[in-house]
Amino acid sequence: MFRSDAVHLLQVDPELGRLVPPDRREDAVAGFRVPCVRLRIGAWDVGGIGGDEQLVGLLVLSGILAREVVVADNVSTELLGPGDVIRPWQGNGGPDDLLPNEVRWTALADTRLAVLERRFAAQAARHPEVNWMLMHRITERAHRLATAQAVSQLTRVDRRLLALMWHLAERWGRVCTDGVIVPLALSHRILGQLVGARRPTVSSALSDLARREELVRREDGSWLLAGDPPDEPDAAATALVQARRQVAVPARTAVIRPRATVAT
């Protein structure tokens, strides 16, 4: 990791300032000037970034990061890209955790991060619309994680892989004449960590998908989705969810009333 020149954040990430009114836009573009750091491909030692509590976080400007969470002998992976806000020094496991875990970070491509320091927080107080967009992105990330969890619980690994690729295509995919290309050179190991399966099982499932011409790996390492997206949830699954919602009743809080005082 090494520090690079500072950038005008709303110029390199215009969507972040989309809600700023026109009469304040010029001031906002000039004010949100932040330092950047760059990561080379490979493991990232997050200790080098520090853990200042007054540091808002890091905003991914370009590249791809893999966040691996290790629990026992299993690894779960999350992919992060442009627009994501991260605080890699937070949630790395510690002696007070009841469930021991370890978090590892890897840059899957050369990555640039904006450092959101105290000056950024001061500017965000003047332009709260930028904070709104950050909250929007944090919520989107939470939704993607929930979707990924649902994908990892599908029956059959080939279904998980196909659903995962369509999920990734929503963010990174591009349409071509043969289908949709997902330009991520993901190894079988990482795919297994994304869908909750062992690498040999992933390799076998990928062979089946390629034979059916639904998912094919291209020579440059990217993936081609040649079929159709998965269907909508079937009626049985929808009915089951509705039934669970009707059964789930919030627990009542017990009210402890004082005993009556008996006059003596």
C-alpha atoms as a PDB file:
ATOM      1  CA  MET A   1       0.000   0.000   0.000  1.00  0.00           C
ATOM      2  CA  PHE A   2       1.239   3.472  -0.815  1.00  0.00           C
ATOM      3  CA  ARG A   3      -0.192   6.958  -0.671  1.00  0.00           C
ATOM      4  CA  SER A   4      -1.017   8.758  -3.918  1.00  0.00           C
ATOM      5  CA  ASP A   5      -2.109  12.298  -4.725  1.00  0.00           C
ATOM      6  CA  ALA A   6      -5.280  13.789  -3.286  1.00  0.00           C
ATOM      7  CA  VAL A   7      -8.378  13.936  -5.492  1.00  0.00           C
ATOM      8  CA  HIS A   8     -11.584  15.941  -5.681  1.00  0.00           C
ATOM      9  CA  LEU A   9     -13.918  13.188  -4.538  1.00  0.00           C
ATOM     10  CA  LEU A  10     -17.051  14.417  -6.299  1.00  0.00           C
ATOM     11  CA  GLN A  11     -15.169  14.584  -9.593  1.00  0.00           C
ATOM     12  CA  VAL A  12     -13.944  10.983  -9.490  1.00  0.00           C
ATOM     13  CA  ASP A  13     -17.252   9.781  -7.978  1.00  0.00           C
ATOM     14  CA  PRO A  14     -19.941  12.176  -9.304  1.00  0.00           C
ATOM     15  CA  GLU A  15     -22.804   9.949  -8.117  1.00  0.00           C
ATOM     16  CA  LEU A  16     -21.788  10.695  -4.520  1.00  0.00           C
ATOM     17  CA  GLY A  17     -22.761  14.350  -5.021  1.00  0.00           C
ATOM     18  CA  ARG A  18     -25.876  13.716  -7.084  1.00  0.00           C
ATOM     19  CA  LEU A  19     -28.228  15.144  -4.438  1.00  0.00           C
ATOM     20  CA  VAL A  20     -26.243  18.321  -3.750  1.00  0.00           C
ATOM     21  CA  PRO A  21     -28.295  21.338  -4.985  1.00  0.00           C
ATOM     22  CA  PRO A  22     -26.855  23.186  -8.001  1.00  0.00           C
ATOM     23  CA  ASP A  23     -26.235  26.368  -5.992  1.00  0.00           C
ATOM     24  CA  ARG A  24     -23.841  24.472  -3.687  1.00  0.00           C
ATOM     25  CA  ARG A  25     -22.356  22.020  -6.146  1.00  0.00           C
ATOM     26  CA  GLU A  26     -19.256  24.044  -7.035  1.00  0.00           C
ATOM     27  CA  ASP A  27     -18.449  24.590  -3.372  1.00  0.00           C
ATOM     28  CA  ALA A  28     -18.957  20.900  -2.642  1.00  0.00           C
ATOM     29  CA  VAL A  29     -16.689  19.758  -5.478  1.00  0.00           C
ATOM     30  CA  ALA A  30     -13.928  22.065  -4.252  1.00  0.00           C
ATOM     31  CA  GLY A  31     -14.379  21.169  -0.591  1.00  0.00           C
ATOM     32  CA  PHE A  32     -14.371  17.376  -0.825  1.00  0.00           C
ATOM     33  CA  ARG A  33     -10.653  16.979  -1.523  1.00  0.00           C
ATOM     34  CA  VAL A  34      -9.353  13.760   0.037  1.00  0.00           C
ATOM     35  CA  PRO A  35      -6.091  11.784   0.057  1.00  0.00           C
ATOM     36  CA  CYS A  36      -5.905   8.404  -1.670  1.00  0.00           C
ATOM     37  CA  VAL A  37      -4.020   5.166  -1.155  1.00  0.00           C
ATOM     38  CA  ARG A  38      -3.317   2.477  -3.716  1.00  0.00           C
ATOM     39  CA  LEU A  39      -3.127  -1.281  -3.265  1.00  0.00           C
ATOM     40  CA  ARG A  40      -1.288  -3.696  -5.499  1.00  0.00           C
ATOM     41  CA  ILE A  41      -2.754  -7.109  -6.290  1.00  0.00           C
ATOM     42  CA  GLY A  42      -2.275  -9.474  -3.358  1.00  0.00           C
ATOM     43  CA  ALA A  43      -2.851  -9.741   0.374  1.00  0.00           C
ATOM     44  CA  TRP A  44      -3.509  -6.463   2.170  1.00  0.00           C
ATOM     45  CA  ASP A  45      -2.199  -5.879   5.686  1.00  0.00           C
ATOM     46  CA  VAL A  46      -4.849  -3.490   6.992  1.00  0.00           C
ATOM     47  CA  GLY A  47      -2.657  -2.624   9.973  1.00  0.00           C
ATOM     48  CA  GLY A  48      -0.861  -0.165   7.728  1.00  0.00           C
ATOM     49  CA  ILE A  49      -3.934   2.066   7.397  1.00  0.00           C
ATOM     50  CA  GLY A  50      -4.370   2.613  11.129  1.00  0.00           C
ATOM     51  CA  GLY A  51      -7.546   2.509  13.165  1.00  0.00           C
ATOM     52  CA  ASP A  52      -8.198   6.114  14.120  1.00  0.00           C
ATOM     53  CA  GLU A  53     -11.714   6.320  15.559  1.00  0.00           C
ATOM     54  CA  GLN A  54     -12.081   9.745  13.945  1.00  0.00           C
ATOM     55  CA  LEU A  55     -11.445   8.283  10.501  1.00  0.00           C
ATOM     56  CA  VAL A  56     -14.813   7.947   8.761  1.00  0.00           C
ATOM     57  CA  GLY A  57     -13.619   5.109   6.554  1.00  0.00           C
ATOM     58  CA  LEU A  58     -12.268   4.263   3.129  1.00  0.00           C
ATOM     59  CA  LEU A  59     -14.188   4.600  -0.116  1.00  0.00           C
ATOM     60  CA  VAL A  60     -13.297   2.240  -2.955  1.00  0.00           C
ATOM     61  CA  LEU A  61     -12.731   4.314  -6.103  1.00  0.00           C
ATOM     62  CA  SER A  62     -11.490   1.546  -8.408  1.00  0.00           C
ATOM     63  CA  GLY A  63     -10.453  -2.103  -8.279  1.00  0.00           C
ATOM     64  CA  ILE A  64     -11.838  -5.149  -6.484  1.00  0.00           C
ATOM     65  CA  LEU A  65     -11.303  -6.306  -2.904  1.00  0.00           C
ATOM     66  CA  ALA A  66     -12.075  -9.685  -1.355  1.00  0.00           C
ATOM     67  CA  ARG A  67     -12.997  -9.740   2.331  1.00  0.00           C
ATOM     68  CA  GLU A  68     -12.603 -13.245   3.727  1.00  0.00           C
ATOM     69  CA  VAL A  69     -14.081 -14.227   7.088  1.00  0.00           C
ATOM     70  CA  VAL A  70     -12.605 -17.417   8.537  1.00  0.00           C
ATOM     71  CA  VAL A  71     -14.686 -19.387  11.053  1.00  0.00           C
ATOM     72  CA  ALA A  72     -13.264 -22.766  12.109  1.00  0.00           C
ATOM     73  CA  ASP A  73     -12.263 -24.484   8.846  1.00  0.00           C
ATOM     74  CA  ASN A  74     -14.667 -22.520   6.618  1.00  0.00           C
ATOM     75  CA  VAL A  75     -14.107 -19.283   4.713  1.00  0.00           C
ATOM     76  CA  SER A  76     -16.820 -16.918   3.483  1.00  0.00           C
ATOM     77  CA  THR A  77     -15.935 -14.211   0.965  1.00  0.00           C
ATOM     78  CA  GLU A  78     -17.468 -10.851   0.093  1.00  0.00           C
ATOM     79  CA  LEU A  79     -16.481  -8.931  -3.045  1.00  0.00           C
ATOM     80  CA  LEU A  80     -16.193  -5.151  -2.793  1.00  0.00           C
ATOM     81  CA  GLY A  81     -15.777  -2.625  -5.569  1.00  0.00           C
ATOM     82  CA  PRO A  82     -16.172   1.043  -6.538  1.00  0.00           C
ATOM     83  CA  GLY A  83     -18.594   2.906  -4.319  1.00  0.00           C
ATOM     84  CA  ASP A  84     -18.261   0.650  -1.279  1.00  0.00           C
ATOM     85  CA  VAL A  85     -17.404   2.176   2.099  1.00  0.00           C
ATOM     86  CA  ILE A  86     -15.195   0.038   4.339  1.00  0.00           C
ATOM     87  CA  ARG A  87     -13.546   0.222   7.758  1.00  0.00           C
ATOM     88  CA  PRO A  88     -11.087  -2.694   7.541  1.00  0.00           C
ATOM     89  CA  TRP A  89      -9.664  -2.153  11.028  1.00  0.00           C
ATOM     90  CA  GLN A  90     -13.106  -2.807  12.532  1.00  0.00           C
ATOM     91  CA  GLY A  91     -14.550  -6.279  13.133  1.00  0.00           C
ATOM     92  CA  ASN A  92     -11.320  -8.226  12.732  1.00  0.00           C
ATOM     93  CA  GLY A  93     -12.053 -10.512  15.652  1.00  0.00           C
ATOM     94  CA  GLY A  94     -10.636 -10.240  19.129  1.00  0.00           C
ATOM     95  CA  PRO A  95     -10.254 -11.978  22.475  1.00  0.00           C
ATOM     96  CA  ASP A  96     -13.737 -10.874  23.591  1.00  0.00           C
ATOM     97  CA  ASP A  97     -15.532 -12.518  20.651  1.00  0.00           C
ATOM     98  CA  LEU A  98     -17.588 -15.543  21.669  1.00  0.00           C
ATOM     99  CA  LEU A  99     -17.158 -16.999  18.185  1.00  0.00           C
ATOM    100  CA  PRO A 100     -13.487 -16.838  17.161  1.00  0.00           C
ATOM    101  CA  ASN A 101     -12.991 -15.552  13.638  1.00  0.00           C
ATOM    102  CA  GLU A 102     -10.361 -13.998  11.441  1.00  0.00           C
ATOM    103  CA  VAL A 103     -10.773 -11.444   8.653  1.00  0.00           C
ATOM    104  CA  ARG A 104      -8.419 -11.348   5.681  1.00  0.00           C
ATOM    105  CA  TRP A 105      -8.301  -8.761   2.911  1.00  0.00           C
ATOM    106  CA  THR A 106      -6.994  -9.296  -0.621  1.00  0.00           C
ATOM    107  CA  ALA A 107      -6.816  -6.952  -3.596  1.00  0.00           C
ATOM    108  CA  LEU A 108      -7.933  -8.955  -6.639  1.00  0.00           C
ATOM    109  CA  ALA A 109      -6.954  -6.025  -8.882  1.00  0.00           C
ATOM    110  CA  ASP A 110      -4.970  -2.834  -8.428  1.00  0.00           C
ATOM    111  CA  THR A 111      -7.215  -0.795  -6.163  1.00  0.00           C
ATOM    112  CA  ARG A 112      -7.497   2.873  -5.250  1.00  0.00           C
ATOM    113  CA  LEU A 113      -9.112   3.996  -1.997  1.00  0.00           C
ATOM    114  CA  ALA A 114     -10.179   7.463  -0.875  1.00  0.00           C
ATOM    115  CA  VAL A 115      -9.358   8.171   2.771  1.00  0.00           C
ATOM    116  CA  LEU A 116     -12.332   9.867   4.441  1.00  0.00           C
ATOM    117  CA  GLU A 117     -10.671  11.855   7.207  1.00  0.00           C
ATOM    118  CA  ARG A 118     -11.861  14.512   9.671  1.00  0.00           C
ATOM    119  CA  ARG A 119     -11.903  17.159   6.940  1.00  0.00           C
ATOM    120  CA  PHE A 120     -14.313  15.002   4.975  1.00  0.00           C
ATOM    121  CA  ALA A 121     -16.614  14.798   8.009  1.00  0.00           C
ATOM    122  CA  ALA A 122     -16.562  18.598   8.344  1.00  0.00           C
ATOM    123  CA  GLN A 123     -17.459  19.033   4.681  1.00  0.00           C
ATOM    124  CA  ALA A 124     -20.201  16.409   4.973  1.00  0.00           C
ATOM    125  CA  ALA A 125     -21.751  18.489   7.767  1.00  0.00           C
ATOM    126  CA  ARG A 126     -22.020  21.362   5.270  1.00  0.00           C
ATOM    127  CA  HIS A 127     -23.313  19.081   2.526  1.00  0.00           C
ATOM    128  CA  PRO A 128     -25.409  16.383   4.246  1.00  0.00           C
ATOM    129  CA  GLU A 129     -26.574  15.096   0.862  1.00  0.00           C
ATOM    130  CA  VAL A 130     -23.215  13.331   0.527  1.00  0.00           C
ATOM    131  CA  ASN A 131     -23.835  11.527   3.799  1.00  0.00           C
ATOM    132  CA  TRP A 132     -27.234  10.454   2.516  1.00  0.00           C
ATOM    133  CA  MET A 133     -25.582   8.865  -0.500  1.00  0.00           C
ATOM    134  CA  LEU A 134     -23.046   7.090   1.734  1.00  0.00           C
ATOM    135  CA  MET A 135     -25.903   5.668   3.821  1.00  0.00           C
ATOM    136  CA  HIS A 136     -27.605   4.577   0.603  1.00  0.00           C
ATOM    137  CA  ARG A 137     -24.478   2.674  -0.417  1.00  0.00           C
ATOM    138  CA  ILE A 138     -24.062   1.083   2.995  1.00  0.00           C
ATOM    139  CA  THR A 139     -27.674  -0.115   2.804  1.00  0.00           C
ATOM    140  CA  GLU A 140     -27.078  -1.473  -0.701  1.00  0.00           C
ATOM    141  CA  ARG A 141     -24.086  -3.421   0.566  1.00  0.00           C
ATOM    142  CA  ALA A 142     -26.203  -4.916   3.359  1.00  0.00           C
ATOM    143  CA  HIS A 143     -28.802  -5.973   0.782  1.00  0.00           C
ATOM    144  CA  ARG A 144     -26.127  -7.578  -1.403  1.00  0.00           C
ATOM    145  CA  LEU A 145     -24.846  -9.525   1.607  1.00  0.00           C
ATOM    146  CA  ALA A 146     -28.368 -10.759   2.389  1.00  0.00           C
ATOM    147  CA  THR A 147     -28.821 -11.801  -1.241  1.00  0.00           C
ATOM    148  CA  ALA A 148     -25.477 -13.616  -1.209  1.00  0.00           C
ATOM    149  CA  GLN A 149     -26.536 -15.459   1.936  1.00  0.00           C
ATOM    150  CA  ALA A 150     -29.755 -16.556   0.238  1.00  0.00           C
ATOM    151  CA  VAL A 151     -27.773 -17.713  -2.806  1.00  0.00           C
ATOM    152  CA  SER A 152     -25.473 -19.830  -0.636  1.00  0.00           C
ATOM    153  CA  GLN A 153     -28.520 -21.674   0.754  1.00  0.00           C
ATOM    154  CA  LEU A 154     -29.907 -22.784  -2.617  1.00  0.00           C
ATOM    155  CA  THR A 155     -29.980 -26.509  -3.251  1.00  0.00           C
ATOM    156  CA  ARG A 156     -27.329 -27.821  -5.662  1.00  0.00           C
ATOM    157  CA  VAL A 157     -24.059 -26.021  -6.211  1.00  0.00           C
ATOM    158  CA  ASP A 158     -24.715 -25.433  -9.924  1.00  0.00           C
ATOM    159  CA  ARG A 159     -27.814 -23.388  -9.017  1.00  0.00           C
ATOM    160  CA  ARG A 160     -25.801 -21.399  -6.478  1.00  0.00           C
ATOM    161  CA  LEU A 161     -23.067 -20.623  -9.003  1.00  0.00           C
ATOM    162  CA  LEU A 162     -25.532 -19.557 -11.670  1.00  0.00           C
ATOM    163  CA  ALA A 163     -27.467 -17.347  -9.247  1.00  0.00           C
ATOM    164  CA  LEU A 164     -24.203 -15.869  -7.943  1.00  0.00           C
ATOM    165  CA  MET A 165     -23.046 -14.927 -11.440  1.00  0.00           C
ATOM    166  CA  TRP A 166     -26.332 -13.226 -12.264  1.00  0.00           C
ATOM    167  CA  HIS A 167     -26.079 -11.423  -8.928  1.00  0.00           C
ATOM    168  CA  LEU A 168     -22.557 -10.222  -9.796  1.00  0.00           C
ATOM    169  CA  ALA A 169     -23.710  -9.303 -13.311  1.00  0.00           C
ATOM    170  CA  GLU A 170     -26.109  -6.737 -11.850  1.00  0.00           C
ATOM    171  CA  ARG A 171     -23.093  -4.746 -10.724  1.00  0.00           C
ATOM    172  CA  TRP A 172     -20.214  -5.675 -12.989  1.00  0.00           C
ATOM    173  CA  GLY A 173     -21.792  -7.327 -16.020  1.00  0.00           C
ATOM    174  CA  ARG A 174     -21.888  -6.014 -19.572  1.00  0.00           C
ATOM    175  CA  VAL A 175     -24.110  -7.219 -22.396  1.00  0.00           C
ATOM    176  CA  CYS A 176     -22.576  -8.726 -25.538  1.00  0.00           C
ATOM    177  CA  THR A 177     -23.982 -10.520 -28.559  1.00  0.00           C
ATOM    178  CA  ASP A 178     -23.591 -13.940 -26.898  1.00  0.00           C
ATOM    179  CA  GLY A 179     -25.060 -13.032 -23.513  1.00  0.00           C
ATOM    180  CA  VAL A 180     -23.735 -11.195 -20.452  1.00  0.00           C
ATOM    181  CA  ILE A 181     -20.038 -11.022 -19.561  1.00  0.00           C
ATOM    182  CA  VAL A 182     -18.966 -10.881 -15.915  1.00  0.00           C
ATOM    183  CA  PRO A 183     -15.413  -9.466 -16.146  1.00  0.00           C
ATOM    184  CA  LEU A 184     -14.147 -10.967 -12.885  1.00  0.00           C
ATOM    185  CA  ALA A 185     -11.329 -13.524 -13.016  1.00  0.00           C
ATOM    186  CA  LEU A 186     -12.525 -15.513 -10.011  1.00  0.00           C
ATOM    187  CA  SER A 187     -10.795 -18.757  -9.131  1.00  0.00           C
ATOM    188  CA  HIS A 188     -12.701 -21.922  -8.251  1.00  0.00           C
ATOM    189  CA  ARG A 189     -11.515 -21.472  -4.657  1.00  0.00           C
ATOM    190  CA  ILE A 190     -13.024 -17.990  -4.345  1.00  0.00           C
ATOM    191  CA  LEU A 191     -16.231 -19.100  -6.056  1.00  0.00           C
ATOM    192  CA  GLY A 192     -16.499 -21.872  -3.488  1.00  0.00           C
ATOM    193  CA  GLN A 193     -16.118 -19.344  -0.680  1.00  0.00           C
ATOM    194  CA  LEU A 194     -18.816 -17.180  -2.248  1.00  0.00           C
ATOM    195  CA  VAL A 195     -21.399 -19.970  -2.518  1.00  0.00           C
ATOM    196  CA  GLY A 196     -20.445 -22.117   0.472  1.00  0.00           C
ATOM    197  CA  ALA A 197     -19.030 -25.153  -1.336  1.00  0.00           C
ATOM    198  CA  ARG A 198     -15.742 -27.019  -1.595  1.00  0.00           C
ATOM    199  CA  ARG A 199     -13.503 -26.362  -4.572  1.00  0.00           C
ATOM    200  CA  PRO A 200     -13.813 -29.871  -6.143  1.00  0.00           C
ATOM    201  CA  THR A 201     -17.605 -29.587  -6.021  1.00  0.00           C
ATOM    202  CA  VAL A 202     -17.420 -26.147  -7.616  1.00  0.00           C
ATOM    203  CA  SER A 203     -15.203 -27.441 -10.414  1.00  0.00           C
ATOM    204  CA  SER A 204     -17.638 -30.269 -11.139  1.00  0.00           C
ATOM    205  CA  ALA A 205     -20.642 -27.927 -11.124  1.00  0.00           C
ATOM    206  CA  LEU A 206     -18.884 -25.466 -13.440  1.00  0.00           C
ATOM    207  CA  SER A 207     -18.195 -28.301 -15.884  1.00  0.00           C
ATOM    208  CA  ASP A 208     -21.899 -29.165 -15.895  1.00  0.00           C
ATOM    209  CA  LEU A 209     -22.878 -25.525 -16.466  1.00  0.00           C
ATOM    210  CA  ALA A 210     -20.368 -25.204 -19.317  1.00  0.00           C
ATOM    211  CA  ARG A 211     -21.684 -28.396 -20.906  1.00  0.00           C
ATOM    212  CA  ARG A 212     -25.209 -26.939 -20.761  1.00  0.00           C
ATOM    213  CA  GLU A 213     -23.800 -23.644 -22.144  1.00  0.00           C
ATOM    214  CA  GLU A 214     -25.275 -21.650 -19.259  1.00  0.00           C
ATOM    215  CA  LEU A 215     -21.988 -20.406 -17.784  1.00  0.00           C
ATOM    216  CA  VAL A 216     -18.702 -20.547 -19.666  1.00  0.00           C
ATOM    217  CA  ARG A 217     -15.268 -19.302 -18.648  1.00  0.00           C
ATOM    218  CA  ARG A 218     -13.604 -17.236 -21.358  1.00  0.00           C
ATOM    219  CA  GLU A 219      -9.906 -17.261 -22.261  1.00  0.00           C
ATOM    220  CA  ASP A 220      -9.257 -13.984 -20.413  1.00  0.00           C
ATOM    221  CA  GLY A 221     -10.663 -15.438 -17.164  1.00  0.00           C
ATOM    222  CA  SER A 222     -14.009 -13.639 -17.338  1.00  0.00           C
ATOM    223  CA  TRP A 223     -17.349 -15.478 -17.380  1.00  0.00           C
ATOM    224  CA  LEU A 224     -20.079 -15.605 -20.015  1.00  0.00           C
ATOM    225  CA  LEU A 225     -23.694 -16.048 -18.971  1.00  0.00           C
ATOM    226  CA  ALA A 226     -25.340 -17.446 -22.075  1.00  0.00           C
ATOM    227  CA  GLY A 227     -28.715 -18.476 -20.691  1.00  0.00           C
ATOM    228  CA  ASP A 228     -31.559 -16.654 -18.990  1.00  0.00           C
ATOM    229  CA  PRO A 229     -31.590 -15.289 -15.416  1.00  0.00           C
ATOM    230  CA  PRO A 230     -33.107 -17.520 -12.726  1.00  0.00           C
ATOM    231  CA  ASP A 231     -36.891 -17.462 -12.515  1.00  0.00           C
ATOM    232  CA  GLU A 232     -38.868 -15.497  -9.969  1.00  0.00           C
ATOM    233  CA  PRO A 233     -39.429 -17.263  -6.597  1.00  0.00           C
ATOM    234  CA  ASP A 234     -42.039 -19.956  -7.111  1.00  0.00           C
ATOM    235  CA  ALA A 235     -45.496 -19.825  -5.540  1.00  0.00           C
ATOM    236  CA  ALA A 236     -44.663 -22.438  -2.893  1.00  0.00           C
ATOM    237  CA  ALA A 237     -41.667 -20.452  -1.625  1.00  0.00           C
ATOM    238  CA  THR A 238     -43.679 -17.220  -1.551  1.00  0.00           C
ATOM    239  CA  ALA A 239     -46.522 -18.909   0.367  1.00  0.00           C
ATOM    240  CA  LEU A 240     -44.042 -20.315   2.896  1.00  0.00           C
ATOM    241  CA  VAL A 241     -42.560 -16.872   3.557  1.00  0.00           C
ATOM    242  CA  GLN A 242     -46.025 -15.368   4.014  1.00  0.00           C
ATOM    243  CA  ALA A 243     -46.961 -18.147   6.430  1.00  0.00           C
ATOM    244  CA  ARG A 244     -43.838 -17.532   8.505  1.00  0.00           C
ATOM    245  CA  ARG A 245     -44.637 -13.823   8.674  1.00  0.00           C
ATOM    246  CA  GLN A 246     -48.107 -14.599  10.030  1.00  0.00           C
ATOM    247  CA  VAL A 247     -46.749 -16.967  12.670  1.00  0.00           C
ATOM    248  CA  ALA A 248     -43.959 -14.676  13.852  1.00  0.00           C
ATOM    249  CA  VAL A 249     -45.434 -12.680  16.742  1.00  0.00           C
ATOM    250  CA  PRO A 250     -43.253 -10.235  18.710  1.00  0.00           C
ATOM    251  CA  ALA A 251     -42.514 -11.458  22.204  1.00  0.00           C
ATOM    252  CA  ARG A 252     -44.386  -9.584  24.881  1.00  0.00           C
ATOM    253  CA  THR A 253     -42.391  -7.775  27.526  1.00  0.00           C
ATOM    254  CA  ALA A 254     -43.273  -8.928  31.019  1.00  0.00           C
ATOM    255  CA  VAL A 255     -44.557  -6.150  33.247  1.00  0.00           C
ATOM    256  CA  ILE A 256     -43.550  -6.462  36.887  1.00  0.00           C
ATOM    257  CA  ARG A 257     -46.076  -4.746  39.102  1.00  0.00           C
ATOM    258  CA  PRO A 258     -45.275  -3.743  42.690  1.00  0.00           C
ATOM    259  CA  ARG A 259     -47.024  -5.703  45.401  1.00  0.00           C
ATOM    260  CA  ALA A 260     -49.771  -3.948  47.265  1.00  0.00           C
ATOM    261  CA  THR A 261     -48.647  -2.577  50.625  1.00  0.00           C
ATOM    262  CA  VAL A 262     -50.647  -3.850  53.564  1.00  0.00           C
ATOM    263  CA  ALA A 263     -51.154  -1.294  56.299  1.00  0.00           C
ATOM    264  CA  THR A 264     -50.244  -2.467  59.750  1.00  0.00           C
END
